[in-house]
């Protein structure tokens, strides 16, 4: 910080270091409809990959891999209601430091 600042009850002092965690921008309800819901085909662009000339070169690969993984694991109908059930507080450069997922599994009839 170049100067002291108070923001929403948080007091920052000159010289304090601040880290901006861009992945949290994806949960901004002012920009994303239902930010905590998994909505396949969502049209908004994720901000965690950056934007403009600073956009991550691997964004397309990551989104393609994630889409393929979800399509393959859910296409057989075995997974329903997949959701994040717990998100650990903390910071990790690679995303959430820890999270738990829940899902309803259904047995498939054999052919």
N, C-alpha and C. Protein backbone atom coordinates (compact mmCIF):
# COMPACT_ATOMS: atom_id res chain seq x y z
N UNK A 1 0.84 -1.16 0.00
CA UNK A 1 0.00 0.00 0.00
C UNK A 1 0.90 1.24 0.00
N UNK A 2 0.52 2.20 -0.80
CA UNK A 2 1.29 3.45 -0.86
C UNK A 2 0.82 4.43 0.21
N UNK A 3 -0.36 4.16 0.79
CA UNK A 3 -0.87 5.01 1.87
C UNK A 3 -1.85 4.19 2.70
N UNK A 4 -2.16 4.66 3.90
CA UNK A 4 -3.14 3.99 4.75
C UNK A 4 -4.51 4.01 4.07
N UNK A 5 -5.28 2.94 4.30
CA UNK A 5 -6.61 2.85 3.71
C UNK A 5 -7.50 2.00 4.60
N UNK A 6 -8.72 2.46 4.82
CA UNK A 6 -9.74 1.67 5.51
C UNK A 6 -10.81 1.34 4.50
N UNK A 7 -11.14 0.04 4.39
CA UNK A 7 -12.14 -0.39 3.42
C UNK A 7 -13.00 -1.47 4.05
N UNK A 8 -14.29 -1.16 4.20
CA UNK A 8 -15.26 -2.11 4.76
C UNK A 8 -14.78 -2.75 6.06
N UNK A 9 -14.25 -1.94 6.94
CA UNK A 9 -13.81 -2.42 8.24
C UNK A 9 -12.41 -3.00 8.27
N UNK A 10 -11.76 -3.06 7.13
CA UNK A 10 -10.39 -3.57 7.06
C UNK A 10 -9.44 -2.38 6.99
N UNK A 11 -8.49 -2.34 7.92
CA UNK A 11 -7.53 -1.24 7.95
C UNK A 11 -6.20 -1.70 7.37
N UNK A 12 -5.80 -1.09 6.29
CA UNK A 12 -4.52 -1.39 5.65
C UNK A 12 -3.58 -0.22 5.91
N UNK A 13 -2.34 -0.54 6.17
CA UNK A 13 -1.34 0.48 6.48
C UNK A 13 -0.37 0.65 5.32
N UNK A 14 0.19 1.83 5.22
CA UNK A 14 1.21 2.09 4.21
C UNK A 14 2.30 1.03 4.36
N UNK A 15 2.70 0.44 3.25
CA UNK A 15 3.72 -0.60 3.27
C UNK A 15 3.16 -2.01 3.33
N UNK A 16 1.88 -2.17 3.71
CA UNK A 16 1.26 -3.50 3.71
C UNK A 16 1.23 -4.06 2.30
N UNK A 17 1.37 -5.36 2.18
CA UNK A 17 1.26 -6.02 0.88
C UNK A 17 -0.16 -6.51 0.69
N UNK A 18 -0.65 -6.37 -0.52
CA UNK A 18 -2.01 -6.78 -0.85
C UNK A 18 -1.94 -7.71 -2.04
N UNK A 19 -2.69 -8.81 -1.97
CA UNK A 19 -2.75 -9.73 -3.09
C UNK A 19 -4.16 -9.74 -3.65
N UNK A 20 -4.27 -9.58 -4.94
CA UNK A 20 -5.56 -9.64 -5.59
C UNK A 20 -5.75 -11.05 -6.14
N UNK A 21 -6.77 -11.71 -5.69
CA UNK A 21 -7.04 -13.08 -6.10
C UNK A 21 -8.11 -13.03 -7.19
N UNK A 22 -7.66 -13.03 -8.44
CA UNK A 22 -8.56 -12.79 -9.56
C UNK A 22 -9.64 -13.86 -9.73
N UNK A 23 -9.40 -15.08 -9.26
CA UNK A 23 -10.41 -16.13 -9.41
C UNK A 23 -11.69 -15.78 -8.67
N UNK A 24 -11.58 -15.00 -7.60
CA UNK A 24 -12.77 -14.61 -6.86
C UNK A 24 -13.68 -13.70 -7.67
N UNK A 25 -13.13 -13.05 -8.68
CA UNK A 25 -13.95 -12.19 -9.53
C UNK A 25 -15.03 -12.99 -10.25
N UNK A 26 -14.81 -14.29 -10.44
CA UNK A 26 -15.80 -15.14 -11.10
C UNK A 26 -17.06 -15.33 -10.26
N UNK A 27 -17.02 -14.94 -9.00
CA UNK A 27 -18.16 -15.10 -8.10
C UNK A 27 -18.86 -13.77 -7.82
N UNK A 28 -18.63 -12.78 -8.66
CA UNK A 28 -19.24 -11.46 -8.52
C UNK A 28 -20.68 -11.51 -9.03
N UNK A 29 -21.64 -11.47 -8.11
CA UNK A 29 -23.06 -11.55 -8.49
C UNK A 29 -23.49 -10.33 -9.31
N UNK A 30 -22.73 -9.26 -9.27
CA UNK A 30 -23.04 -8.09 -10.08
C UNK A 30 -22.73 -8.31 -11.55
N UNK A 31 -21.91 -9.32 -11.85
CA UNK A 31 -21.53 -9.61 -13.23
C UNK A 31 -22.07 -10.96 -13.71
N UNK A 32 -22.01 -11.96 -12.84
CA UNK A 32 -22.43 -13.31 -13.21
C UNK A 32 -23.78 -13.65 -12.58
N UNK A 33 -24.71 -14.12 -13.39
CA UNK A 33 -25.98 -14.62 -12.86
C UNK A 33 -25.69 -15.94 -12.14
N UNK A 34 -26.20 -16.09 -10.94
CA UNK A 34 -26.02 -17.30 -10.14
C UNK A 34 -24.55 -17.75 -10.12
N UNK A 35 -23.66 -16.94 -9.56
CA UNK A 35 -22.22 -17.23 -9.63
C UNK A 35 -21.79 -18.51 -8.92
N UNK A 36 -22.57 -19.02 -7.97
CA UNK A 36 -22.18 -20.22 -7.25
C UNK A 36 -22.82 -21.48 -7.82
N UNK A 37 -23.48 -21.37 -8.95
CA UNK A 37 -24.10 -22.51 -9.61
C UNK A 37 -23.26 -22.94 -10.81
N UNK A 38 -23.13 -24.25 -11.00
CA UNK A 38 -22.47 -24.76 -12.20
C UNK A 38 -23.49 -24.77 -13.31
N UNK A 39 -23.25 -23.98 -14.34
CA UNK A 39 -24.18 -23.86 -15.46
C UNK A 39 -23.41 -24.16 -16.74
N UNK A 40 -23.49 -25.41 -17.24
CA UNK A 40 -22.79 -25.74 -18.48
C UNK A 40 -23.24 -24.81 -19.61
N UNK A 41 -22.30 -24.38 -20.41
CA UNK A 41 -22.63 -23.50 -21.53
C UNK A 41 -22.77 -22.04 -21.15
N UNK A 42 -22.44 -21.71 -19.91
CA UNK A 42 -22.52 -20.31 -19.47
C UNK A 42 -21.72 -19.45 -20.44
N UNK A 43 -22.29 -18.34 -20.87
CA UNK A 43 -21.67 -17.52 -21.91
C UNK A 43 -20.66 -16.50 -21.38
N UNK A 44 -20.75 -16.13 -20.10
CA UNK A 44 -19.81 -15.15 -19.57
C UNK A 44 -18.39 -15.71 -19.63
N UNK A 45 -17.43 -14.85 -19.81
CA UNK A 45 -16.03 -15.26 -19.88
C UNK A 45 -15.44 -15.29 -18.47
N UNK A 46 -14.77 -16.39 -18.10
CA UNK A 46 -14.15 -16.44 -16.78
C UNK A 46 -13.00 -15.45 -16.68
N UNK A 47 -12.94 -14.74 -15.56
CA UNK A 47 -11.92 -13.72 -15.38
C UNK A 47 -10.62 -14.28 -14.82
N UNK A 48 -10.63 -15.53 -14.35
CA UNK A 48 -9.43 -16.11 -13.74
C UNK A 48 -8.32 -16.35 -14.74
N UNK A 49 -8.61 -16.30 -16.03
CA UNK A 49 -7.59 -16.47 -17.05
C UNK A 49 -7.03 -15.13 -17.53
N UNK A 50 -7.44 -14.05 -16.92
CA UNK A 50 -6.99 -12.73 -17.34
C UNK A 50 -7.81 -12.24 -18.52
N UNK A 51 -7.38 -11.12 -19.08
CA UNK A 51 -8.10 -10.53 -20.20
C UNK A 51 -7.15 -9.73 -21.08
N UNK A 52 -7.56 -9.50 -22.29
CA UNK A 52 -6.75 -8.69 -23.20
C UNK A 52 -5.41 -9.33 -23.50
N UNK A 53 -4.38 -8.50 -23.61
CA UNK A 53 -3.05 -9.01 -23.95
C UNK A 53 -2.44 -9.87 -22.84
N UNK A 54 -3.03 -9.84 -21.66
CA UNK A 54 -2.52 -10.64 -20.54
C UNK A 54 -3.32 -11.92 -20.33
N UNK A 55 -4.18 -12.28 -21.29
CA UNK A 55 -4.98 -13.49 -21.15
C UNK A 55 -4.08 -14.73 -21.21
N UNK A 56 -4.38 -15.69 -20.37
CA UNK A 56 -3.60 -16.93 -20.29
C UNK A 56 -3.62 -17.66 -21.63
N UNK A 57 -2.44 -18.03 -22.10
CA UNK A 57 -2.33 -18.73 -23.38
C UNK A 57 -2.95 -20.13 -23.32
N UNK A 58 -3.07 -20.69 -22.12
CA UNK A 58 -3.64 -22.03 -21.97
C UNK A 58 -5.13 -22.05 -21.69
N UNK A 59 -5.80 -20.89 -21.76
CA UNK A 59 -7.22 -20.83 -21.43
C UNK A 59 -8.05 -21.80 -22.27
N UNK A 60 -7.85 -21.81 -23.57
CA UNK A 60 -8.63 -22.69 -24.44
C UNK A 60 -8.43 -24.15 -24.10
N UNK A 61 -7.19 -24.53 -23.82
CA UNK A 61 -6.88 -25.92 -23.48
C UNK A 61 -7.57 -26.29 -22.17
N UNK A 62 -7.47 -25.43 -21.17
CA UNK A 62 -8.07 -25.71 -19.86
C UNK A 62 -9.58 -25.83 -19.96
N UNK A 63 -10.22 -24.90 -20.67
CA UNK A 63 -11.68 -24.95 -20.80
C UNK A 63 -12.12 -26.16 -21.61
N UNK A 64 -11.36 -26.51 -22.65
CA UNK A 64 -11.69 -27.68 -23.46
C UNK A 64 -11.57 -28.95 -22.62
N UNK A 65 -10.49 -29.06 -21.84
CA UNK A 65 -10.29 -30.23 -20.99
C UNK A 65 -11.41 -30.35 -19.97
N UNK A 66 -11.73 -29.23 -19.31
CA UNK A 66 -12.79 -29.26 -18.29
C UNK A 66 -14.13 -29.65 -18.91
N UNK A 67 -14.44 -29.09 -20.07
CA UNK A 67 -15.70 -29.41 -20.75
C UNK A 67 -15.75 -30.88 -21.14
N UNK A 68 -14.64 -31.40 -21.68
CA UNK A 68 -14.59 -32.81 -22.08
C UNK A 68 -14.74 -33.73 -20.87
N UNK A 69 -14.05 -33.39 -19.78
CA UNK A 69 -14.13 -34.20 -18.56
C UNK A 69 -15.56 -34.26 -18.04
N UNK A 70 -16.19 -33.11 -17.97
CA UNK A 70 -17.57 -33.06 -17.47
C UNK A 70 -18.51 -33.82 -18.39
N UNK A 71 -18.35 -33.63 -19.68
CA UNK A 71 -19.22 -34.33 -20.64
C UNK A 71 -19.07 -35.84 -20.53
N UNK A 72 -17.84 -36.32 -20.40
CA UNK A 72 -17.61 -37.77 -20.35
C UNK A 72 -18.06 -38.38 -19.03
N UNK A 73 -17.88 -37.67 -17.93
CA UNK A 73 -18.26 -38.24 -16.64
C UNK A 73 -19.75 -38.12 -16.37
N UNK A 74 -20.43 -37.25 -17.08
CA UNK A 74 -21.86 -37.10 -16.81
C UNK A 74 -22.74 -37.64 -17.93
N UNK A 75 -22.15 -38.02 -19.07
CA UNK A 75 -22.97 -38.44 -20.22
C UNK A 75 -23.68 -39.77 -19.98
N UNK A 76 -23.15 -40.60 -19.10
CA UNK A 76 -23.80 -41.89 -18.86
C UNK A 76 -24.93 -41.78 -17.84
N UNK A 77 -25.15 -40.61 -17.30
CA UNK A 77 -26.26 -40.40 -16.36
C UNK A 77 -25.98 -40.85 -14.95
N UNK A 78 -24.76 -41.31 -14.67
CA UNK A 78 -24.46 -41.80 -13.33
C UNK A 78 -24.29 -40.67 -12.32
N UNK A 79 -23.89 -39.51 -12.78
CA UNK A 79 -23.67 -38.39 -11.87
C UNK A 79 -24.81 -37.39 -11.99
N UNK A 80 -25.37 -37.02 -10.87
CA UNK A 80 -26.43 -36.03 -10.84
C UNK A 80 -26.15 -35.05 -9.70
N UNK A 81 -26.59 -33.83 -9.87
CA UNK A 81 -26.51 -32.83 -8.80
C UNK A 81 -25.08 -32.70 -8.26
N UNK A 82 -24.11 -32.55 -9.14
CA UNK A 82 -22.72 -32.35 -8.72
C UNK A 82 -22.61 -30.94 -8.16
N UNK A 83 -21.99 -30.80 -6.99
CA UNK A 83 -21.92 -29.50 -6.34
C UNK A 83 -20.71 -29.42 -5.43
N UNK A 84 -20.25 -28.22 -5.20
CA UNK A 84 -19.19 -27.99 -4.21
C UNK A 84 -19.89 -27.87 -2.86
N UNK A 85 -19.50 -28.71 -1.92
CA UNK A 85 -20.17 -28.73 -0.62
C UNK A 85 -19.41 -27.97 0.45
N UNK A 86 -18.12 -27.78 0.25
CA UNK A 86 -17.32 -27.07 1.24
C UNK A 86 -16.14 -26.44 0.53
N UNK A 87 -15.88 -25.20 0.83
CA UNK A 87 -14.73 -24.50 0.26
C UNK A 87 -13.90 -23.99 1.41
N UNK A 88 -12.65 -24.43 1.49
CA UNK A 88 -11.78 -24.03 2.58
C UNK A 88 -11.36 -22.58 2.41
N UNK A 89 -11.35 -21.86 3.52
CA UNK A 89 -10.84 -20.50 3.47
C UNK A 89 -9.33 -20.58 3.35
N UNK A 90 -8.77 -19.63 2.68
CA UNK A 90 -7.33 -19.60 2.48
C UNK A 90 -7.01 -19.23 1.06
N UNK A 91 -5.75 -19.16 0.78
CA UNK A 91 -5.30 -18.71 -0.53
C UNK A 91 -4.36 -19.75 -1.11
N UNK A 92 -4.52 -20.02 -2.37
CA UNK A 92 -3.62 -20.89 -3.10
C UNK A 92 -3.43 -20.29 -4.48
N UNK A 93 -2.22 -20.31 -4.98
CA UNK A 93 -1.95 -19.75 -6.31
C UNK A 93 -2.65 -20.55 -7.39
N UNK A 94 -2.99 -21.78 -7.11
CA UNK A 94 -3.61 -22.64 -8.12
C UNK A 94 -5.12 -22.72 -7.98
N UNK A 95 -5.69 -22.00 -7.06
CA UNK A 95 -7.14 -22.03 -6.85
C UNK A 95 -7.44 -22.20 -5.37
N UNK A 96 -8.58 -22.74 -5.06
CA UNK A 96 -8.94 -22.96 -3.67
C UNK A 96 -7.93 -23.89 -3.02
N UNK A 97 -7.60 -23.62 -1.78
CA UNK A 97 -6.62 -24.47 -1.12
C UNK A 97 -7.17 -25.88 -0.89
N UNK A 98 -8.50 -25.99 -0.79
CA UNK A 98 -9.13 -27.31 -0.64
C UNK A 98 -10.63 -27.14 -0.84
N UNK A 99 -11.27 -28.08 -1.47
CA UNK A 99 -12.72 -28.07 -1.55
C UNK A 99 -13.24 -29.49 -1.61
N UNK A 100 -14.48 -29.67 -1.20
CA UNK A 100 -15.14 -30.97 -1.24
C UNK A 100 -16.29 -30.90 -2.22
N UNK A 101 -16.49 -31.98 -2.93
CA UNK A 101 -17.60 -32.04 -3.88
C UNK A 101 -18.59 -33.10 -3.44
N UNK A 102 -19.84 -32.86 -3.74
CA UNK A 102 -20.88 -33.84 -3.48
C UNK A 102 -21.58 -34.17 -4.79
N UNK A 103 -22.13 -35.34 -4.88
CA UNK A 103 -22.88 -35.71 -6.07
C UNK A 103 -23.81 -36.86 -5.73
N UNK A 104 -24.87 -36.96 -6.47
CA UNK A 104 -25.78 -38.09 -6.33
C UNK A 104 -25.42 -39.07 -7.43
N UNK A 105 -25.15 -40.31 -7.07
CA UNK A 105 -24.79 -41.34 -8.06
C UNK A 105 -25.96 -42.29 -8.25
N UNK A 106 -26.21 -42.63 -9.47
CA UNK A 106 -27.30 -43.54 -9.81
C UNK A 106 -26.72 -44.75 -10.51
N UNK A 107 -27.18 -45.92 -10.13
CA UNK A 107 -26.71 -47.13 -10.82
C UNK A 107 -27.37 -47.21 -12.18
N UNK A 108 -26.61 -47.66 -13.14
CA UNK A 108 -27.12 -47.77 -14.51
C UNK A 108 -27.54 -49.20 -14.79
N UNK A 109 -28.61 -49.33 -15.50
CA UNK A 109 -29.05 -50.67 -15.91
C UNK A 109 -28.09 -51.20 -16.96
N UNK A 110 -27.76 -52.49 -16.86
CA UNK A 110 -26.86 -53.08 -17.86
C UNK A 110 -27.64 -53.39 -19.12
N UNK A 111 -26.95 -53.27 -20.25
CA UNK A 111 -27.59 -53.54 -21.55
C UNK A 111 -27.87 -55.01 -21.73
